[in-house]
């Protein structure tokens, strides 16, 4: 059974990503909104070379290390080929989350057009059948932004914290045409409009199955 929580009930979170920065792009604002009540967070990322692995660890600890225990696991699978190494990737992910029972699991959308994102979204459902999974969105060239059904309003501080974090932490991504503050802020404004967030900003997710109570 999967439950809807108030933010005060969220103590443990698992974040799954195909690549370093996927998680932060998709849900860093929400994580900052939850940070004060978190006791632990687990980041599990499938593809990361040595440089990107360092970025992933530094990012998670900078984002949440002052608030809770942070655990980061990175794999070295080939970027762009996760579905073709499915057995090993799934085994890696399972080993890193075995025994965990988080209040929320954040993962990529199963409708994401990037094959790595989509695959990790599918694995998330297989590994966490009795947990609330919120599938985050990652803006990119594919034009696959859809119609999410779960929104988390963000304070201006959380949005600015997210954007500043993304731009200051992932040096390897600087210079990419889509990796800009305008992209991240604009999406938050759009989702804020859709959710009628009082702050004007929100992150959006896909909740495939939610049980209230």
N, C-alpha and C. Protein backbone atom coordinates (compact mmCIF):
# COMPACT_ATOMS: atom_id res chain seq x y z
N UNK A 1 0.85 -1.19 0.00
CA UNK A 1 0.00 0.00 0.00
C UNK A 1 0.89 1.24 0.00
N UNK A 2 0.53 2.22 -0.81
CA UNK A 2 1.28 3.46 -0.90
C UNK A 2 0.46 4.60 -0.33
N UNK A 3 1.10 5.45 0.45
CA UNK A 3 0.39 6.46 1.20
C UNK A 3 0.79 7.87 0.80
N UNK A 4 -0.14 8.81 0.95
CA UNK A 4 0.16 10.23 0.83
C UNK A 4 0.60 10.72 2.20
N UNK A 5 1.69 11.46 2.25
CA UNK A 5 2.22 11.94 3.51
C UNK A 5 2.13 13.46 3.58
N UNK A 6 2.02 13.97 4.80
CA UNK A 6 2.36 15.36 5.00
C UNK A 6 3.88 15.42 5.07
N UNK A 7 4.46 16.58 4.81
CA UNK A 7 5.92 16.67 4.78
C UNK A 7 6.53 16.31 6.12
N UNK A 8 5.82 16.56 7.21
CA UNK A 8 6.35 16.24 8.54
C UNK A 8 6.48 14.75 8.76
N UNK A 9 5.77 13.94 7.98
CA UNK A 9 5.83 12.49 8.12
C UNK A 9 6.97 11.87 7.32
N UNK A 10 7.63 12.66 6.50
CA UNK A 10 8.67 12.11 5.62
C UNK A 10 10.01 12.19 6.33
N UNK A 11 10.54 11.02 6.69
CA UNK A 11 11.81 10.93 7.39
C UNK A 11 12.91 10.32 6.53
N UNK A 12 12.51 9.37 5.69
CA UNK A 12 13.48 8.62 4.90
C UNK A 12 13.10 8.69 3.42
N UNK A 13 14.08 8.98 2.59
CA UNK A 13 13.84 9.14 1.16
C UNK A 13 14.91 8.39 0.37
N UNK A 14 14.49 7.74 -0.70
CA UNK A 14 15.41 7.14 -1.67
C UNK A 14 15.26 7.89 -2.99
N UNK A 15 16.37 8.28 -3.57
CA UNK A 15 16.38 8.97 -4.86
C UNK A 15 17.17 8.14 -5.86
N UNK A 16 16.53 7.75 -6.94
CA UNK A 16 17.18 6.95 -7.97
C UNK A 16 17.40 7.82 -9.21
N UNK A 17 18.58 7.69 -9.80
CA UNK A 17 18.89 8.46 -10.99
C UNK A 17 19.72 7.66 -11.97
N UNK A 18 19.57 7.97 -13.24
CA UNK A 18 20.42 7.34 -14.24
C UNK A 18 21.79 7.99 -14.27
N UNK A 19 21.81 9.32 -14.11
CA UNK A 19 23.05 10.09 -14.21
C UNK A 19 23.15 11.06 -13.03
N UNK A 20 24.36 11.42 -12.63
CA UNK A 20 24.52 12.52 -11.67
C UNK A 20 23.86 13.77 -12.24
N UNK A 21 23.14 14.46 -11.43
CA UNK A 21 22.36 15.68 -11.66
C UNK A 21 20.91 15.41 -12.05
N UNK A 22 20.56 14.19 -12.46
CA UNK A 22 19.15 13.88 -12.75
C UNK A 22 18.28 14.16 -11.53
N UNK A 23 18.72 13.66 -10.39
CA UNK A 23 17.94 13.79 -9.16
C UNK A 23 17.77 15.26 -8.79
N UNK A 24 18.87 15.99 -8.84
CA UNK A 24 18.82 17.40 -8.44
C UNK A 24 17.96 18.21 -9.40
N UNK A 25 18.04 17.93 -10.69
CA UNK A 25 17.19 18.62 -11.66
C UNK A 25 15.72 18.30 -11.39
N UNK A 26 15.44 17.05 -11.09
CA UNK A 26 14.06 16.61 -10.93
C UNK A 26 13.41 16.95 -9.62
N UNK A 27 14.19 16.95 -8.52
CA UNK A 27 13.51 17.09 -7.22
C UNK A 27 14.33 17.78 -6.14
N UNK A 28 15.37 18.52 -6.49
CA UNK A 28 16.16 19.19 -5.45
C UNK A 28 15.33 20.18 -4.66
N UNK A 29 14.42 20.88 -5.32
CA UNK A 29 13.57 21.82 -4.60
C UNK A 29 12.70 21.13 -3.57
N UNK A 30 12.12 20.00 -3.95
CA UNK A 30 11.30 19.23 -3.02
C UNK A 30 12.14 18.71 -1.87
N UNK A 31 13.34 18.23 -2.17
CA UNK A 31 14.22 17.76 -1.10
C UNK A 31 14.56 18.88 -0.12
N UNK A 32 14.75 20.09 -0.62
CA UNK A 32 15.01 21.21 0.27
C UNK A 32 13.78 21.54 1.11
N UNK A 33 12.59 21.39 0.54
CA UNK A 33 11.37 21.60 1.32
C UNK A 33 11.23 20.56 2.43
N UNK A 34 11.70 19.35 2.17
CA UNK A 34 11.59 18.26 3.14
C UNK A 34 12.74 18.22 4.13
N UNK A 35 13.81 18.94 3.85
CA UNK A 35 15.09 18.73 4.53
C UNK A 35 15.01 18.81 6.04
N UNK A 36 14.24 19.74 6.57
CA UNK A 36 14.21 19.95 8.02
C UNK A 36 13.71 18.74 8.78
N UNK A 37 12.90 17.90 8.14
CA UNK A 37 12.32 16.74 8.81
C UNK A 37 12.99 15.43 8.44
N UNK A 38 13.91 15.45 7.49
CA UNK A 38 14.54 14.20 7.05
C UNK A 38 15.55 13.69 8.07
N UNK A 39 15.60 12.37 8.20
CA UNK A 39 16.64 11.74 9.01
C UNK A 39 17.69 11.07 8.13
N UNK A 40 17.28 10.61 6.94
CA UNK A 40 18.24 9.99 6.03
C UNK A 40 17.75 10.08 4.60
N UNK A 41 18.72 10.14 3.69
CA UNK A 41 18.41 10.12 2.26
C UNK A 41 19.45 9.27 1.56
N UNK A 42 18.99 8.48 0.61
CA UNK A 42 19.87 7.59 -0.16
C UNK A 42 19.79 7.99 -1.63
N UNK A 43 20.93 8.33 -2.21
CA UNK A 43 21.04 8.59 -3.64
C UNK A 43 21.68 7.36 -4.29
N UNK A 44 21.03 6.81 -5.31
CA UNK A 44 21.61 5.68 -6.06
C UNK A 44 21.60 6.06 -7.53
N UNK A 45 22.78 6.11 -8.13
CA UNK A 45 22.96 6.62 -9.49
C UNK A 45 23.69 5.58 -10.31
N UNK A 46 23.17 5.26 -11.48
CA UNK A 46 23.68 4.12 -12.24
C UNK A 46 24.93 4.42 -13.04
N UNK A 47 25.02 5.60 -13.65
CA UNK A 47 26.16 5.89 -14.53
C UNK A 47 26.96 7.05 -13.99
N UNK A 48 28.24 6.83 -13.73
CA UNK A 48 29.10 7.91 -13.27
C UNK A 48 30.55 7.51 -13.43
N UNK A 49 31.29 8.27 -14.23
CA UNK A 49 32.73 8.05 -14.27
C UNK A 49 33.35 8.68 -13.03
N UNK A 50 34.66 8.71 -12.95
CA UNK A 50 35.31 9.19 -11.73
C UNK A 50 34.95 10.63 -11.41
N UNK A 51 34.97 11.48 -12.43
CA UNK A 51 34.65 12.89 -12.21
C UNK A 51 33.20 13.07 -11.80
N UNK A 52 32.31 12.40 -12.49
CA UNK A 52 30.88 12.55 -12.21
C UNK A 52 30.51 11.91 -10.86
N UNK A 53 31.22 10.87 -10.48
CA UNK A 53 30.97 10.25 -9.18
C UNK A 53 31.31 11.22 -8.05
N UNK A 54 32.41 11.92 -8.19
CA UNK A 54 32.78 12.93 -7.20
C UNK A 54 31.72 14.03 -7.15
N UNK A 55 31.26 14.47 -8.31
CA UNK A 55 30.21 15.49 -8.37
C UNK A 55 28.95 15.01 -7.65
N UNK A 56 28.57 13.76 -7.89
CA UNK A 56 27.35 13.23 -7.29
C UNK A 56 27.44 13.22 -5.77
N UNK A 57 28.56 12.79 -5.24
CA UNK A 57 28.73 12.72 -3.79
C UNK A 57 28.78 14.12 -3.17
N UNK A 58 29.53 15.00 -3.81
CA UNK A 58 29.60 16.36 -3.29
C UNK A 58 28.24 17.04 -3.35
N UNK A 59 27.50 16.79 -4.42
CA UNK A 59 26.19 17.42 -4.58
C UNK A 59 25.23 16.99 -3.49
N UNK A 60 25.10 15.69 -3.29
CA UNK A 60 24.16 15.20 -2.28
C UNK A 60 24.50 15.73 -0.89
N UNK A 61 25.78 15.73 -0.58
CA UNK A 61 26.19 16.20 0.75
C UNK A 61 26.04 17.70 0.91
N UNK A 62 26.32 18.45 -0.14
CA UNK A 62 26.12 19.90 -0.07
C UNK A 62 24.64 20.25 0.04
N UNK A 63 23.81 19.49 -0.65
CA UNK A 63 22.38 19.78 -0.67
C UNK A 63 21.72 19.46 0.66
N UNK A 64 22.07 18.32 1.24
CA UNK A 64 21.32 17.82 2.40
C UNK A 64 22.16 17.43 3.60
N UNK A 65 23.47 17.46 3.47
CA UNK A 65 24.33 16.97 4.54
C UNK A 65 24.18 17.70 5.86
N UNK A 66 23.77 18.95 5.83
CA UNK A 66 23.58 19.70 7.07
C UNK A 66 22.29 19.32 7.78
N UNK A 67 21.44 18.56 7.12
CA UNK A 67 20.12 18.25 7.67
C UNK A 67 19.95 16.80 8.08
N UNK A 68 20.61 15.89 7.40
CA UNK A 68 20.35 14.47 7.64
C UNK A 68 21.53 13.62 7.19
N UNK A 69 21.45 12.33 7.50
CA UNK A 69 22.47 11.39 7.02
C UNK A 69 22.29 11.20 5.52
N UNK A 70 23.38 11.29 4.78
CA UNK A 70 23.34 11.19 3.33
C UNK A 70 24.18 10.00 2.88
N UNK A 71 23.58 9.14 2.07
CA UNK A 71 24.27 7.97 1.54
C UNK A 71 24.21 8.04 0.02
N UNK A 72 25.35 7.88 -0.62
CA UNK A 72 25.42 7.98 -2.08
C UNK A 72 26.12 6.75 -2.65
N UNK A 73 25.47 6.10 -3.61
CA UNK A 73 26.07 4.97 -4.32
C UNK A 73 26.04 5.27 -5.81
N UNK A 74 27.18 5.09 -6.47
CA UNK A 74 27.24 5.33 -7.91
C UNK A 74 27.75 4.10 -8.62
N UNK A 75 27.14 3.80 -9.76
CA UNK A 75 27.60 2.72 -10.61
C UNK A 75 28.44 3.28 -11.75
N UNK A 76 29.06 2.40 -12.49
CA UNK A 76 29.92 2.82 -13.59
C UNK A 76 29.43 2.26 -14.93
N UNK A 77 28.11 2.09 -15.03
CA UNK A 77 27.54 1.58 -16.27
C UNK A 77 27.62 2.64 -17.37
N UNK A 78 27.59 2.20 -18.61
CA UNK A 78 27.79 3.11 -19.74
C UNK A 78 26.58 3.99 -19.97
N UNK A 79 26.83 5.28 -20.03
CA UNK A 79 25.79 6.26 -20.31
C UNK A 79 25.14 5.96 -21.65
N UNK A 80 23.80 5.90 -21.66
CA UNK A 80 23.06 5.67 -22.89
C UNK A 80 22.76 4.22 -23.19
N UNK A 81 23.28 3.30 -22.36
CA UNK A 81 23.14 1.88 -22.66
C UNK A 81 22.52 1.08 -21.51
N UNK A 82 21.92 1.73 -20.54
CA UNK A 82 21.40 1.00 -19.38
C UNK A 82 20.42 -0.11 -19.75
N UNK A 83 19.48 0.11 -20.67
CA UNK A 83 18.54 -0.98 -20.98
C UNK A 83 19.20 -2.21 -21.57
N UNK A 84 20.38 -2.03 -22.16
CA UNK A 84 21.07 -3.15 -22.79
C UNK A 84 21.96 -3.90 -21.81
N UNK A 85 22.03 -3.40 -20.59
CA UNK A 85 22.77 -4.06 -19.52
C UNK A 85 21.82 -4.24 -18.33
N UNK A 86 20.58 -4.57 -18.66
CA UNK A 86 19.49 -4.51 -17.69
C UNK A 86 19.72 -5.37 -16.46
N UNK A 87 20.17 -6.60 -16.65
CA UNK A 87 20.31 -7.50 -15.51
C UNK A 87 21.32 -6.96 -14.49
N UNK A 88 22.46 -6.51 -14.98
CA UNK A 88 23.49 -6.01 -14.07
C UNK A 88 23.07 -4.70 -13.41
N UNK A 89 22.43 -3.83 -14.17
CA UNK A 89 21.99 -2.56 -13.60
C UNK A 89 20.95 -2.78 -12.52
N UNK A 90 19.97 -3.62 -12.80
CA UNK A 90 18.94 -3.90 -11.81
C UNK A 90 19.54 -4.54 -10.56
N UNK A 91 20.47 -5.44 -10.73
CA UNK A 91 21.12 -6.08 -9.58
C UNK A 91 21.88 -5.05 -8.75
N UNK A 92 22.55 -4.13 -9.43
CA UNK A 92 23.27 -3.06 -8.72
C UNK A 92 22.30 -2.21 -7.91
N UNK A 93 21.22 -1.79 -8.52
CA UNK A 93 20.25 -0.94 -7.83
C UNK A 93 19.61 -1.69 -6.66
N UNK A 94 19.26 -2.94 -6.89
CA UNK A 94 18.62 -3.72 -5.83
C UNK A 94 19.55 -3.87 -4.62
N UNK A 95 20.81 -4.14 -4.87
CA UNK A 95 21.76 -4.33 -3.78
C UNK A 95 21.90 -3.06 -2.94
N UNK A 96 21.76 -1.90 -3.56
CA UNK A 96 21.95 -0.64 -2.83
C UNK A 96 20.71 -0.22 -2.05
N UNK A 97 19.56 -0.75 -2.37
CA UNK A 97 18.34 -0.35 -1.65
C UNK A 97 17.75 -1.49 -0.84
N UNK A 98 18.36 -2.65 -0.89
CA UNK A 98 17.83 -3.81 -0.18
C UNK A 98 17.68 -3.50 1.31
N UNK A 99 16.51 -3.77 1.84
CA UNK A 99 16.25 -3.54 3.26
C UNK A 99 15.75 -2.15 3.59
N UNK A 100 15.76 -1.24 2.65
CA UNK A 100 15.28 0.12 2.90
C UNK A 100 13.76 0.18 2.75
N UNK A 101 13.14 0.98 3.59
CA UNK A 101 11.70 1.19 3.48
C UNK A 101 11.41 2.69 3.58
N UNK A 102 11.70 3.41 2.52
CA UNK A 102 11.57 4.87 2.56
C UNK A 102 10.12 5.34 2.55
N UNK A 103 9.92 6.54 3.01
CA UNK A 103 8.59 7.15 2.96
C UNK A 103 8.24 7.58 1.54
N UNK A 104 9.25 7.99 0.78
CA UNK A 104 9.06 8.38 -0.61
C UNK A 104 10.25 7.89 -1.43
N UNK A 105 9.96 7.44 -2.64
CA UNK A 105 11.00 7.13 -3.62
C UNK A 105 10.86 8.12 -4.77
N UNK A 106 11.94 8.80 -5.09
CA UNK A 106 11.98 9.68 -6.26
C UNK A 106 12.73 8.96 -7.37
N UNK A 107 12.18 8.96 -8.57
CA UNK A 107 12.79 8.25 -9.70
C UNK A 107 12.39 8.95 -10.99
N UNK A 108 13.11 8.70 -12.08
CA UNK A 108 12.71 9.29 -13.36
C UNK A 108 11.35 8.75 -13.83
N UNK A 109 10.73 9.50 -14.71
CA UNK A 109 9.45 9.08 -15.25
C UNK A 109 9.60 7.88 -16.17
N UNK A 110 8.66 6.96 -16.08
CA UNK A 110 8.66 5.81 -16.99
C UNK A 110 8.25 6.20 -18.41
N UNK A 111 7.81 7.43 -18.60
CA UNK A 111 7.48 7.92 -19.94
C UNK A 111 8.57 8.83 -20.51
N UNK A 112 9.67 8.96 -19.79
CA UNK A 112 10.78 9.78 -20.26
C UNK A 112 11.33 9.19 -21.56
N UNK A 113 11.62 10.04 -22.53
CA UNK A 113 12.11 9.54 -23.82
C UNK A 113 13.59 9.19 -23.81
N UNK A 114 14.31 9.58 -22.78
CA UNK A 114 15.70 9.14 -22.66
C UNK A 114 15.70 7.71 -22.15
N UNK A 115 16.34 6.81 -22.88
CA UNK A 115 16.25 5.39 -22.56
C UNK A 115 16.78 5.06 -21.17
N UNK A 116 17.83 5.75 -20.72
CA UNK A 116 18.37 5.48 -19.38
C UNK A 116 17.39 5.91 -18.30
N UNK A 117 16.82 7.11 -18.46
CA UNK A 117 15.85 7.59 -17.48
C UNK A 117 14.67 6.63 -17.40
N UNK A 118 14.14 6.29 -18.55
CA UNK A 118 12.96 5.42 -18.60
C UNK A 118 13.23 4.08 -17.92
N UNK A 119 14.41 3.53 -18.16
CA UNK A 119 14.75 2.23 -17.59
C UNK A 119 14.83 2.30 -16.07
N UNK A 120 15.45 3.34 -15.54
CA UNK A 120 15.54 3.47 -14.08
C UNK A 120 14.16 3.68 -13.48
N UNK A 121 13.29 4.39 -14.18
CA UNK A 121 11.91 4.53 -13.71
C UNK A 121 11.20 3.20 -13.62
N UNK A 122 11.44 2.33 -14.58
CA UNK A 122 10.84 0.99 -14.56
C UNK A 122 11.42 0.14 -13.43
N UNK A 123 12.71 0.24 -13.23
CA UNK A 123 13.35 -0.51 -12.15
C UNK A 123 12.82 -0.06 -10.79
N UNK A 124 12.57 1.23 -10.64
CA UNK A 124 12.05 1.74 -9.37
C UNK A 124 10.76 1.04 -8.97
N UNK A 125 9.86 0.87 -9.92
CA UNK A 125 8.59 0.21 -9.62
C UNK A 125 8.81 -1.25 -9.24
N UNK A 126 9.77 -1.89 -9.85
CA UNK A 126 10.05 -3.29 -9.53
C UNK A 126 10.66 -3.45 -8.14
N UNK A 127 11.45 -2.48 -7.72
CA UNK A 127 12.14 -2.57 -6.43
C UNK A 127 11.28 -2.07 -5.28
N UNK A 128 10.33 -1.18 -5.56
CA UNK A 128 9.53 -0.57 -4.50
C UNK A 128 8.05 -0.69 -4.84
N UNK A 129 7.51 -1.87 -4.66
CA UNK A 129 6.10 -2.11 -5.03
C UNK A 129 5.13 -1.62 -3.96
N UNK A 130 5.61 -1.41 -2.74
CA UNK A 130 4.73 -1.02 -1.64
C UNK A 130 5.05 0.36 -1.10
N UNK A 131 5.60 1.21 -1.93
CA UNK A 131 6.01 2.54 -1.49
C UNK A 131 5.50 3.60 -2.46
N UNK A 132 5.39 4.81 -1.95
CA UNK A 132 5.01 5.93 -2.79
C UNK A 132 6.19 6.30 -3.69
N UNK A 133 5.99 6.20 -4.99
CA UNK A 133 7.01 6.58 -5.97
C UNK A 133 6.55 7.85 -6.68
N UNK A 134 7.37 8.86 -6.64
CA UNK A 134 7.11 10.09 -7.38
C UNK A 134 8.12 10.19 -8.50
N UNK A 135 7.62 10.19 -9.72
CA UNK A 135 8.49 10.20 -10.90
C UNK A 135 8.73 11.65 -11.33
N UNK A 136 9.99 12.04 -11.29
CA UNK A 136 10.34 13.43 -11.59
C UNK A 136 10.56 13.64 -13.09
N UNK A 137 10.64 14.90 -13.48
CA UNK A 137 10.81 15.26 -14.89
C UNK A 137 12.15 15.96 -15.09
N UNK A 138 12.74 15.71 -16.27
CA UNK A 138 14.03 16.29 -16.63
C UNK A 138 13.89 16.98 -17.99
N UNK A 139 13.95 18.31 -18.04
CA UNK A 139 13.84 19.00 -19.34
C UNK A 139 15.06 18.72 -20.21
N UNK A 140 14.81 18.53 -21.50
CA UNK A 140 15.91 18.21 -22.42
C UNK A 140 15.41 18.38 -23.85
N UNK A 141 16.24 17.96 -24.80
CA UNK A 141 15.95 18.20 -26.21
C UNK A 141 14.73 17.42 -26.72
N UNK A 142 14.39 16.32 -26.08
CA UNK A 142 13.39 15.40 -26.62
C UNK A 142 11.98 15.97 -26.68
N UNK A 143 11.71 17.01 -25.90
CA UNK A 143 10.37 17.57 -25.92
C UNK A 143 9.33 16.64 -25.35
N UNK A 144 9.66 15.99 -24.22
CA UNK A 144 8.76 14.99 -23.65
C UNK A 144 8.10 15.44 -22.36
N UNK A 145 8.05 16.74 -22.13
CA UNK A 145 7.39 17.22 -20.91
C UNK A 145 5.89 16.95 -21.02
N UNK A 146 5.35 16.27 -20.04
CA UNK A 146 3.98 15.80 -20.13
C UNK A 146 3.02 16.55 -19.22
N UNK A 147 2.05 15.81 -18.72
CA UNK A 147 1.01 16.38 -17.86
C UNK A 147 1.09 15.71 -16.49
N UNK A 148 1.94 16.20 -15.61
CA UNK A 148 2.11 15.59 -14.29
C UNK A 148 0.84 15.75 -13.45
N UNK A 149 0.76 14.94 -12.41
CA UNK A 149 -0.45 14.95 -11.58
C UNK A 149 -0.17 15.09 -10.09
N UNK A 150 1.06 15.41 -9.74
CA UNK A 150 1.43 15.56 -8.33
C UNK A 150 2.39 16.75 -8.24
N UNK A 151 2.05 17.73 -7.42
CA UNK A 151 2.83 18.97 -7.38
C UNK A 151 3.31 19.25 -5.96
N UNK A 152 4.50 19.78 -5.86
CA UNK A 152 5.05 20.23 -4.58
C UNK A 152 5.38 21.72 -4.72
N UNK A 153 4.62 22.59 -4.07
CA UNK A 153 4.95 24.02 -4.11
C UNK A 153 6.32 24.27 -3.49
N UNK A 154 7.06 25.18 -4.10
CA UNK A 154 8.39 25.53 -3.60
C UNK A 154 8.40 26.98 -3.13
N UNK A 155 9.04 27.22 -2.00
CA UNK A 155 9.29 28.59 -1.61
C UNK A 155 10.31 29.20 -2.57
N UNK A 156 10.36 30.51 -2.62
CA UNK A 156 11.36 31.15 -3.47
C UNK A 156 12.76 30.74 -3.04
N UNK A 157 12.95 30.58 -1.72
CA UNK A 157 14.26 30.17 -1.22
C UNK A 157 14.65 28.79 -1.69
N UNK A 158 13.69 27.86 -1.72
CA UNK A 158 13.99 26.51 -2.18
C UNK A 158 14.30 26.50 -3.67
N UNK A 159 13.56 27.28 -4.45
CA UNK A 159 13.83 27.34 -5.89
C UNK A 159 15.21 27.93 -6.15
N UNK A 160 15.52 29.05 -5.49
CA UNK A 160 16.82 29.67 -5.71
C UNK A 160 17.94 28.76 -5.20
N UNK A 161 17.68 28.06 -4.10
CA UNK A 161 18.67 27.11 -3.60
C UNK A 161 18.93 26.00 -4.60
N UNK A 162 17.87 25.51 -5.23
CA UNK A 162 18.01 24.47 -6.25
C UNK A 162 18.82 24.98 -7.44
N UNK A 163 18.44 26.12 -7.96
CA UNK A 163 19.09 26.64 -9.16
C UNK A 163 20.56 26.95 -8.88
N UNK A 164 20.82 27.61 -7.76
CA UNK A 164 22.21 27.93 -7.41
C UNK A 164 23.02 26.66 -7.25
N UNK A 165 22.41 25.65 -6.65
CA UNK A 165 23.10 24.38 -6.43
C UNK A 165 23.45 23.72 -7.76
N UNK A 166 22.50 23.68 -8.67
CA UNK A 166 22.75 23.06 -9.97
C UNK A 166 23.87 23.76 -10.73
N UNK A 167 23.89 25.07 -10.67
CA UNK A 167 24.86 25.82 -11.45
C UNK A 167 26.25 25.84 -10.82
N UNK A 168 26.31 25.62 -9.51
CA UNK A 168 27.61 25.69 -8.83
C UNK A 168 28.23 24.33 -8.56
N UNK A 169 27.46 23.26 -8.70
CA UNK A 169 27.95 21.95 -8.29
C UNK A 169 28.41 21.09 -9.45
N UNK A 170 27.70 21.11 -10.56
CA UNK A 170 28.00 20.19 -11.66
C UNK A 170 28.80 20.90 -12.75
N UNK A 171 30.09 21.05 -12.49
CA UNK A 171 30.95 21.75 -13.45
C UNK A 171 30.98 21.06 -14.80
N UNK A 172 30.83 19.75 -14.81
CA UNK A 172 30.91 18.99 -16.06
C UNK A 172 29.76 19.32 -17.01
N UNK A 173 28.69 19.89 -16.49
CA UNK A 173 27.52 20.18 -17.32
C UNK A 173 27.47 21.62 -17.82
N UNK A 174 28.35 22.45 -17.30
CA UNK A 174 28.35 23.85 -17.71
C UNK A 174 28.63 23.96 -19.21
N UNK A 175 27.93 24.85 -19.87
CA UNK A 175 28.12 25.04 -21.30
C UNK A 175 27.10 24.32 -22.15
N UNK A 176 26.38 23.36 -21.56
CA UNK A 176 25.30 22.72 -22.31
C UNK A 176 24.16 23.73 -22.49
N UNK A 177 23.59 23.79 -23.67
CA UNK A 177 22.63 24.85 -23.97
C UNK A 177 21.38 24.79 -23.10
N UNK A 178 21.03 23.62 -22.62
CA UNK A 178 19.81 23.48 -21.82
C UNK A 178 20.09 23.62 -20.33
N UNK A 179 21.36 23.61 -19.95
CA UNK A 179 21.71 23.64 -18.52
C UNK A 179 21.87 25.09 -18.08
N UNK A 180 20.73 25.77 -17.95
CA UNK A 180 20.72 27.20 -17.65
C UNK A 180 19.69 27.51 -16.58
N UNK A 181 19.96 28.55 -15.83
CA UNK A 181 19.03 28.94 -14.77
C UNK A 181 17.65 29.23 -15.33
N UNK A 182 17.58 29.82 -16.53
CA UNK A 182 16.28 30.16 -17.12
C UNK A 182 15.42 28.92 -17.34
N UNK A 183 16.05 27.82 -17.73
CA UNK A 183 15.31 26.58 -17.96
C UNK A 183 14.70 26.08 -16.66
N UNK A 184 15.51 26.02 -15.61
CA UNK A 184 15.05 25.47 -14.34
C UNK A 184 14.00 26.37 -13.70
N UNK A 185 14.21 27.68 -13.76
CA UNK A 185 13.24 28.61 -13.18
C UNK A 185 11.93 28.61 -13.98
N UNK A 186 12.03 28.59 -15.29
CA UNK A 186 10.82 28.64 -16.12
C UNK A 186 9.92 27.44 -15.88
N UNK A 187 10.54 26.26 -15.75
CA UNK A 187 9.73 25.07 -15.50
C UNK A 187 9.04 25.18 -14.15
N UNK A 188 9.76 25.69 -13.15
CA UNK A 188 9.15 25.86 -11.82
C UNK A 188 8.01 26.86 -11.85
N UNK A 189 8.13 27.90 -12.66
CA UNK A 189 7.05 28.87 -12.79
C UNK A 189 5.83 28.23 -13.45
N UNK A 190 6.06 27.49 -14.54
CA UNK A 190 4.95 26.81 -15.22
C UNK A 190 4.23 25.86 -14.27
N UNK A 191 4.99 25.04 -13.55
CA UNK A 191 4.36 24.10 -12.63
C UNK A 191 3.70 24.83 -11.46
N UNK A 192 4.22 25.98 -11.11
CA UNK A 192 3.58 26.78 -10.08
C UNK A 192 2.23 27.31 -10.54
N UNK A 193 2.15 27.72 -11.80
CA UNK A 193 0.87 28.17 -12.36
C UNK A 193 -0.13 27.02 -12.37
N UNK A 194 0.31 25.86 -12.85
CA UNK A 194 -0.59 24.70 -12.95
C UNK A 194 -1.14 24.28 -11.60
N UNK A 195 -0.32 24.41 -10.56
CA UNK A 195 -0.74 23.95 -9.22
C UNK A 195 -1.30 25.07 -8.36
N UNK A 196 -1.35 26.26 -8.91
CA UNK A 196 -1.82 27.43 -8.16
C UNK A 196 -1.03 27.60 -6.87
N UNK A 197 0.26 27.36 -6.93
CA UNK A 197 1.12 27.51 -5.76
C UNK A 197 1.15 28.97 -5.33
N UNK A 198 1.00 29.21 -4.04
CA UNK A 198 0.97 30.58 -3.54
C UNK A 198 2.28 31.30 -3.82
N UNK A 199 3.37 30.57 -3.79
CA UNK A 199 4.68 31.15 -4.06
C UNK A 199 4.89 31.45 -5.53
N UNK A 200 4.12 30.76 -6.38
CA UNK A 200 4.30 30.87 -7.82
C UNK A 200 5.24 29.84 -8.40
N UNK A 201 5.80 28.96 -7.55
CA UNK A 201 6.78 27.97 -8.00
C UNK A 201 6.42 26.58 -7.51
N UNK A 202 6.74 25.58 -8.30
CA UNK A 202 6.49 24.20 -7.88
C UNK A 202 7.36 23.25 -8.69
N UNK A 203 7.56 22.06 -8.15
CA UNK A 203 8.07 20.92 -8.91
C UNK A 203 6.92 19.97 -9.12
N UNK A 204 6.98 19.23 -10.23
CA UNK A 204 5.87 18.35 -10.58
C UNK A 204 6.37 16.93 -10.78
N UNK A 205 5.47 15.99 -10.50
CA UNK A 205 5.81 14.57 -10.55
C UNK A 205 4.63 13.78 -11.12
N UNK A 206 4.92 12.53 -11.45
CA UNK A 206 3.89 11.59 -11.85
C UNK A 206 3.74 10.57 -10.73
N UNK A 207 2.54 10.51 -10.17
CA UNK A 207 2.22 9.52 -9.14
C UNK A 207 1.28 8.51 -9.78
N UNK A 208 1.79 7.33 -10.10
CA UNK A 208 1.01 6.34 -10.86
C UNK A 208 -0.07 5.69 -10.01
N UNK A 209 0.24 5.50 -8.74
CA UNK A 209 -0.72 4.84 -7.86
C UNK A 209 -0.52 5.37 -6.44
N UNK A 210 -1.56 5.97 -5.90
CA UNK A 210 -1.48 6.54 -4.56
C UNK A 210 -2.66 6.04 -3.75
N UNK A 211 -2.39 5.52 -2.57
CA UNK A 211 -3.44 5.07 -1.65
C UNK A 211 -3.49 6.05 -0.49
N UNK A 212 -4.62 6.64 -0.27
CA UNK A 212 -4.78 7.63 0.80
C UNK A 212 -5.30 6.94 2.05
N UNK A 213 -4.61 7.17 3.16
CA UNK A 213 -5.08 6.59 4.42
C UNK A 213 -4.01 5.78 5.10
